[in-house]
Amino acid sequence: MVVLKTLLILLLVYYLLKMLFRLFAPKLFSYAAKKTEAHFKENFEKFTNEHAPKGEQVGDVIIDKKPTRKNNSSKKVGDYIDFEEID
């Protein structure tokens, strides 16, 4: 009889927790999403304020220097070997 009573209590607690989770899960997830969004927004603003150059507007394109090109075609890579088939 004690085993049956324990089993019924466990089932009751399981279904009660399941119902409570269905009621409060959307609110909990929306709260977590809002907190995460606020955290990312704060970090993004902090990053853009630190790395934005002074006196320039957002969206300006600045080129510090022209990239250098290395001409690799003049380098000798190796010797050419001509193979012949042996019958």
C-alpha atoms as a PDB file:
ATOM      1  CA  MET A   1       0.000   0.000   0.000  1.00  0.00           C
ATOM      2  CA  VAL A   2       2.900   2.362   0.736  1.00  0.00           C
ATOM      3  CA  VAL A   3       4.367   1.734  -2.722  1.00  0.00           C
ATOM      4  CA  LEU A   4       1.072   2.617  -4.405  1.00  0.00           C
ATOM      5  CA  LYS A   5       0.733   5.779  -2.330  1.00  0.00           C
ATOM      6  CA  THR A   6       4.311   6.832  -3.180  1.00  0.00           C
ATOM      7  CA  LEU A   7       3.735   6.131  -6.869  1.00  0.00           C
ATOM      8  CA  LEU A   8       0.560   8.235  -6.894  1.00  0.00           C
ATOM      9  CA  ILE A   9       2.331  11.124  -5.146  1.00  0.00           C
ATOM     10  CA  LEU A  10       5.167  10.986  -7.674  1.00  0.00           C
ATOM     11  CA  LEU A  11       2.726  11.012 -10.593  1.00  0.00           C
ATOM     12  CA  LEU A  12       0.812  13.918  -9.049  1.00  0.00           C
ATOM     13  CA  VAL A  13       4.000  15.930  -8.546  1.00  0.00           C
ATOM     14  CA  TYR A  14       5.140  15.118 -12.108  1.00  0.00           C
ATOM     15  CA  TYR A  15       1.887  16.311 -13.707  1.00  0.00           C
ATOM     16  CA  LEU A  16       1.727  19.368 -11.436  1.00  0.00           C
ATOM     17  CA  LEU A  17       5.262  20.397 -12.467  1.00  0.00           C
ATOM     18  CA  LYS A  18       4.410  19.729 -16.092  1.00  0.00           C
ATOM     19  CA  MET A  19       1.369  22.030 -15.910  1.00  0.00           C
ATOM     20  CA  LEU A  20       3.316  24.758 -14.099  1.00  0.00           C
ATOM     21  CA  PHE A  21       6.088  24.574 -16.683  1.00  0.00           C
ATOM     22  CA  ARG A  22       3.551  24.997 -19.492  1.00  0.00           C
ATOM     23  CA  LEU A  23       2.142  28.065 -17.766  1.00  0.00           C
ATOM     24  CA  PHE A  24       5.402  29.798 -16.866  1.00  0.00           C
ATOM     25  CA  ALA A  25       7.812  28.642 -19.604  1.00  0.00           C
ATOM     26  CA  PRO A  26       6.801  31.281 -22.207  1.00  0.00           C
ATOM     27  CA  LYS A  27       7.194  34.090 -19.669  1.00  0.00           C
ATOM     28  CA  LEU A  28      10.520  32.697 -18.509  1.00  0.00           C
ATOM     29  CA  PHE A  29      11.859  32.357 -22.060  1.00  0.00           C
ATOM     30  CA  SER A  30      10.710  35.837 -23.068  1.00  0.00           C
ATOM     31  CA  TYR A  31      12.398  37.284 -19.966  1.00  0.00           C
ATOM     32  CA  ALA A  32      15.626  35.450 -20.800  1.00  0.00           C
ATOM     33  CA  ALA A  33      15.445  36.611 -24.438  1.00  0.00           C
ATOM     34  CA  LYS A  34      14.965  40.253 -23.392  1.00  0.00           C
ATOM     35  CA  LYS A  35      17.901  40.076 -20.976  1.00  0.00           C
ATOM     36  CA  THR A  36      20.109  38.488 -23.639  1.00  0.00           C
ATOM     37  CA  GLU A  37      19.078  41.090 -26.208  1.00  0.00           C
ATOM     38  CA  ALA A  38      19.862  43.911 -23.771  1.00  0.00           C
ATOM     39  CA  HIS A  39      23.248  42.356 -22.988  1.00  0.00           C
ATOM     40  CA  PHE A  40      24.189  42.040 -26.681  1.00  0.00           C
ATOM     41  CA  LYS A  41      22.961  45.566 -27.421  1.00  0.00           C
ATOM     42  CA  GLU A  42      25.042  46.969 -24.558  1.00  0.00           C
ATOM     43  CA  ASN A  43      28.157  45.115 -25.728  1.00  0.00           C
ATOM     44  CA  PHE A  44      27.603  46.201 -29.346  1.00  0.00           C
ATOM     45  CA  GLU A  45      27.277  49.865 -28.370  1.00  0.00           C
ATOM     46  CA  LYS A  46      30.353  49.590 -26.172  1.00  0.00           C
ATOM     47  CA  PHE A  47      32.328  47.993 -29.024  1.00  0.00           C
ATOM     48  CA  THR A  48      31.258  50.567 -31.618  1.00  0.00           C
ATOM     49  CA  ASN A  49      32.045  53.468 -29.287  1.00  0.00           C
ATOM     50  CA  GLU A  50      35.541  52.149 -28.546  1.00  0.00           C
ATOM     51  CA  HIS A  51      36.496  51.347 -32.142  1.00  0.00           C
ATOM     52  CA  ALA A  52      34.831  54.231 -33.961  1.00  0.00           C
ATOM     53  CA  PRO A  53      37.355  56.831 -35.141  1.00  0.00           C
ATOM     54  CA  LYS A  54      36.854  60.350 -33.823  1.00  0.00           C
ATOM     55  CA  GLY A  55      35.470  63.050 -36.137  1.00  0.00           C
ATOM     56  CA  GLU A  56      34.030  60.662 -38.714  1.00  0.00           C
ATOM     57  CA  GLN A  57      30.491  59.587 -39.259  1.00  0.00           C
ATOM     58  CA  VAL A  58      29.233  56.057 -39.290  1.00  0.00           C
ATOM     59  CA  GLY A  59      29.368  54.605 -42.796  1.00  0.00           C
ATOM     60  CA  ASP A  60      32.407  56.542 -44.023  1.00  0.00           C
ATOM     61  CA  VAL A  61      34.924  54.437 -45.900  1.00  0.00           C
ATOM     62  CA  ILE A  62      38.539  55.040 -44.928  1.00  0.00           C
ATOM     63  CA  ILE A  63      41.514  53.454 -46.661  1.00  0.00           C
ATOM     64  CA  ASP A  64      44.707  53.780 -44.653  1.00  0.00           C
ATOM     65  CA  LYS A  65      47.108  52.473 -47.278  1.00  0.00           C
ATOM     66  CA  LYS A  66      47.074  50.694 -50.563  1.00  0.00           C
ATOM     67  CA  PRO A  67      47.712  46.967 -50.213  1.00  0.00           C
ATOM     68  CA  THR A  68      51.035  45.838 -51.614  1.00  0.00           C
ATOM     69  CA  ARG A  69      51.117  43.211 -54.336  1.00  0.00           C
ATOM     70  CA  LYS A  70      53.762  40.581 -54.455  1.00  0.00           C
ATOM     71  CA  ASN A  71      54.613  39.275 -57.894  1.00  0.00           C
ATOM     72  CA  ASN A  72      55.171  35.545 -57.503  1.00  0.00           C
ATOM     73  CA  SER A  73      55.488  34.767 -61.214  1.00  0.00           C
ATOM     74  CA  SER A  74      59.226  35.604 -61.381  1.00  0.00           C
ATOM     75  CA  LYS A  75      60.193  33.009 -58.783  1.00  0.00           C
ATOM     76  CA  LYS A  76      61.569  29.723 -60.059  1.00  0.00           C
ATOM     77  CA  VAL A  77      59.438  26.957 -58.637  1.00  0.00           C
ATOM     78  CA  GLY A  78      61.381  23.893 -59.745  1.00  0.00           C
ATOM     79  CA  ASP A  79      62.797  21.877 -62.632  1.00  0.00           C
ATOM     80  CA  TYR A  80      60.646  20.373 -65.349  1.00  0.00           C
ATOM     81  CA  ILE A  81      61.042  16.609 -65.726  1.00  0.00           C
ATOM     82  CA  ASP A  82      59.858  14.868 -68.867  1.00  0.00           C
ATOM     83  CA  PHE A  83      58.805  11.289 -68.223  1.00  0.00           C
ATOM     84  CA  GLU A  84      58.746   8.666 -70.970  1.00  0.00           C
ATOM     85  CA  GLU A  85      56.765   5.463 -70.978  1.00  0.00           C
ATOM     86  CA  ILE A  86      58.714   2.211 -70.926  1.00  0.00           C
ATOM     87  CA  ASP A  87      57.151  -0.751 -72.762  1.00  0.00           C
END
